[in-house]
N, C-alpha and C. Protein backbone atom coordinates (compact mmCIF):
# COMPACT_ATOMS: atom_id res chain seq x y z
N UNK A 1 103.59 168.36 118.71
CA UNK A 1 103.44 168.64 117.29
C UNK A 1 103.25 167.31 116.56
N UNK A 2 102.25 167.27 115.74
CA UNK A 2 101.93 166.10 114.95
C UNK A 2 102.88 166.03 113.75
N UNK A 3 103.40 164.85 113.44
CA UNK A 3 104.34 164.72 112.33
C UNK A 3 103.68 164.97 110.98
N UNK A 4 102.36 165.04 110.94
CA UNK A 4 101.64 165.30 109.69
C UNK A 4 101.41 166.79 109.47
N UNK A 5 101.86 167.64 110.41
CA UNK A 5 101.62 169.08 110.27
C UNK A 5 102.49 169.67 109.16
N UNK A 6 101.90 170.55 108.44
CA UNK A 6 102.61 171.30 107.40
C UNK A 6 102.88 172.67 107.98
N UNK A 7 104.14 172.94 108.32
CA UNK A 7 104.50 174.17 109.04
C UNK A 7 105.12 175.16 108.07
N UNK A 8 104.62 176.37 108.09
CA UNK A 8 105.13 177.44 107.25
C UNK A 8 105.58 178.58 108.15
N UNK A 9 106.80 179.05 107.93
CA UNK A 9 107.30 180.20 108.69
C UNK A 9 107.43 181.39 107.74
N UNK A 10 107.37 182.60 108.28
CA UNK A 10 107.50 183.78 107.41
C UNK A 10 108.85 183.79 106.71
N UNK A 11 108.83 184.19 105.46
CA UNK A 11 110.07 184.31 104.69
C UNK A 11 110.66 185.69 104.92
N UNK A 12 111.95 185.72 105.09
CA UNK A 12 112.65 186.99 105.30
C UNK A 12 113.00 187.57 103.93
N UNK A 13 112.42 188.74 103.61
CA UNK A 13 112.71 189.38 102.34
C UNK A 13 114.09 190.02 102.38
N UNK A 14 114.95 189.61 101.47
CA UNK A 14 116.29 190.17 101.39
C UNK A 14 116.48 190.95 100.11
N UNK A 15 115.47 190.95 99.26
CA UNK A 15 115.58 191.69 98.00
C UNK A 15 114.43 192.68 97.90
N UNK A 16 114.62 193.66 97.05
CA UNK A 16 113.59 194.65 96.77
C UNK A 16 113.46 194.77 95.26
N UNK A 17 112.32 195.22 94.83
CA UNK A 17 112.08 195.47 93.42
C UNK A 17 112.28 196.94 93.15
N UNK A 18 113.08 197.23 92.12
CA UNK A 18 113.34 198.61 91.74
C UNK A 18 113.00 198.77 90.26
N UNK A 19 112.66 199.96 89.90
CA UNK A 19 112.41 200.26 88.50
C UNK A 19 113.38 201.35 88.07
N UNK A 20 114.11 201.09 86.98
CA UNK A 20 115.07 202.07 86.48
C UNK A 20 114.87 202.25 84.98
N UNK A 21 115.39 203.32 84.45
CA UNK A 21 115.36 203.55 83.00
C UNK A 21 116.78 203.45 82.49
N UNK A 22 116.95 202.68 81.43
CA UNK A 22 118.25 202.56 80.78
C UNK A 22 118.05 202.71 79.28
N UNK A 23 119.13 203.02 78.60
CA UNK A 23 119.05 203.15 77.15
C UNK A 23 118.86 201.78 76.52
N UNK A 24 118.17 201.75 75.39
CA UNK A 24 117.87 200.51 74.69
C UNK A 24 119.16 199.76 74.34
N UNK A 25 120.20 200.48 73.95
CA UNK A 25 121.47 199.85 73.61
C UNK A 25 122.02 199.06 74.80
N UNK A 26 121.90 199.63 76.00
CA UNK A 26 122.39 198.95 77.19
C UNK A 26 121.55 197.70 77.47
N UNK A 27 120.26 197.78 77.28
CA UNK A 27 119.39 196.62 77.46
C UNK A 27 119.79 195.51 76.49
N UNK A 28 120.05 195.88 75.25
CA UNK A 28 120.47 194.89 74.26
C UNK A 28 121.78 194.23 74.67
N UNK A 29 122.71 195.01 75.20
CA UNK A 29 124.00 194.46 75.64
C UNK A 29 123.80 193.52 76.83
N UNK A 30 122.94 193.90 77.77
CA UNK A 30 122.66 193.04 78.92
C UNK A 30 122.00 191.74 78.47
N UNK A 31 121.07 191.85 77.53
CA UNK A 31 120.39 190.65 77.02
C UNK A 31 121.38 189.71 76.33
N UNK A 32 122.33 190.28 75.59
CA UNK A 32 123.33 189.47 74.91
C UNK A 32 124.24 188.78 75.92
N UNK A 33 124.67 189.50 76.95
CA UNK A 33 125.48 188.89 78.01
C UNK A 33 124.71 187.78 78.72
N UNK A 34 123.44 188.02 78.96
CA UNK A 34 122.60 187.02 79.63
C UNK A 34 122.50 185.77 78.75
N UNK A 35 122.29 185.97 77.47
CA UNK A 35 122.17 184.84 76.55
C UNK A 35 123.48 184.04 76.50
N UNK A 36 124.60 184.73 76.36
CA UNK A 36 125.91 184.07 76.27
C UNK A 36 126.28 183.33 77.55
N UNK A 37 125.90 183.88 78.69
CA UNK A 37 126.32 183.30 79.98
C UNK A 37 125.29 182.34 80.57
N UNK A 38 124.13 182.24 79.92
CA UNK A 38 123.04 181.42 80.45
C UNK A 38 122.63 181.87 81.84
N UNK A 39 122.66 183.18 82.05
CA UNK A 39 122.20 183.80 83.29
C UNK A 39 121.06 184.74 82.95
N UNK A 40 120.29 185.11 83.96
CA UNK A 40 119.21 186.06 83.71
C UNK A 40 119.77 187.48 83.64
N UNK A 41 119.02 188.34 82.99
CA UNK A 41 119.41 189.75 82.94
C UNK A 41 119.54 190.28 84.36
N UNK A 42 118.65 189.89 85.25
CA UNK A 42 118.69 190.33 86.64
C UNK A 42 120.00 189.92 87.31
N UNK A 43 120.46 188.68 87.07
CA UNK A 43 121.73 188.24 87.65
C UNK A 43 122.89 189.09 87.14
N UNK A 44 122.90 189.36 85.84
CA UNK A 44 123.98 190.16 85.25
C UNK A 44 123.99 191.56 85.86
N UNK A 45 122.83 192.17 85.98
CA UNK A 45 122.73 193.51 86.56
C UNK A 45 123.20 193.51 88.00
N UNK A 46 122.79 192.52 88.78
CA UNK A 46 123.23 192.43 90.18
C UNK A 46 124.73 192.24 90.28
N UNK A 47 125.31 191.43 89.41
CA UNK A 47 126.76 191.23 89.41
C UNK A 47 127.48 192.54 89.07
N UNK A 48 126.96 193.27 88.09
CA UNK A 48 127.58 194.54 87.69
C UNK A 48 127.47 195.58 88.81
N UNK A 49 126.32 195.65 89.46
CA UNK A 49 126.14 196.60 90.55
C UNK A 49 127.05 196.26 91.73
N UNK A 50 127.15 194.98 92.06
CA UNK A 50 128.03 194.56 93.16
C UNK A 50 129.48 194.93 92.84
N UNK A 51 129.91 194.68 91.61
CA UNK A 51 131.27 195.03 91.20
C UNK A 51 131.49 196.54 91.31
N UNK A 52 130.53 197.31 90.81
CA UNK A 52 130.66 198.77 90.84
C UNK A 52 130.76 199.28 92.28
N UNK A 53 129.93 198.76 93.16
CA UNK A 53 129.95 199.21 94.56
C UNK A 53 131.25 198.84 95.26
N UNK A 54 131.81 197.69 94.92
CA UNK A 54 133.08 197.26 95.54
C UNK A 54 134.26 198.05 94.99
N UNK A 55 134.14 198.57 93.78
CA UNK A 55 135.28 199.19 93.12
C UNK A 55 135.11 200.68 92.85
N UNK A 56 134.09 201.27 93.41
CA UNK A 56 133.84 202.69 93.16
C UNK A 56 134.92 203.54 93.82
N UNK A 57 135.27 204.63 93.15
CA UNK A 57 136.19 205.60 93.72
C UNK A 57 135.45 206.93 93.73
N UNK A 58 135.20 207.43 94.92
CA UNK A 58 134.48 208.69 95.07
C UNK A 58 135.47 209.83 95.17
N UNK A 59 135.29 210.83 94.33
CA UNK A 59 136.16 212.00 94.36
C UNK A 59 135.31 213.20 94.80
N UNK A 60 135.62 213.73 95.95
CA UNK A 60 134.90 214.89 96.47
C UNK A 60 135.16 216.07 95.54
N UNK A 61 134.19 216.93 95.39
CA UNK A 61 134.33 218.06 94.46
C UNK A 61 135.48 219.00 94.86
N UNK A 62 135.90 218.92 96.13
CA UNK A 62 137.02 219.76 96.58
C UNK A 62 138.37 219.10 96.29
N UNK A 63 138.34 217.80 96.00
CA UNK A 63 139.58 217.07 95.67
C UNK A 63 139.87 217.20 94.19
N UNK A 64 141.12 217.21 93.85
CA UNK A 64 141.48 217.18 92.44
C UNK A 64 141.68 215.73 92.02
N UNK A 65 141.23 215.35 90.82
CA UNK A 65 141.43 213.97 90.37
C UNK A 65 142.91 213.63 90.29
N UNK A 66 143.23 212.38 90.61
CA UNK A 66 144.62 211.94 90.61
C UNK A 66 144.88 211.03 89.46
């Protein structure tokens, strides 16, 4: 291998693009959080989704809420 070679390897995609609909009020709240935290709206949404998935409590329809 020549030391002058420019080598490119395939990038492993770990993210996907999704399209969702949310209420305008929620978008405004996300934009405000993004502005205050100096993070992108995408980062805020990913953080919220990760938190929700880690803390979700699923109640089967046959179970009574506790």
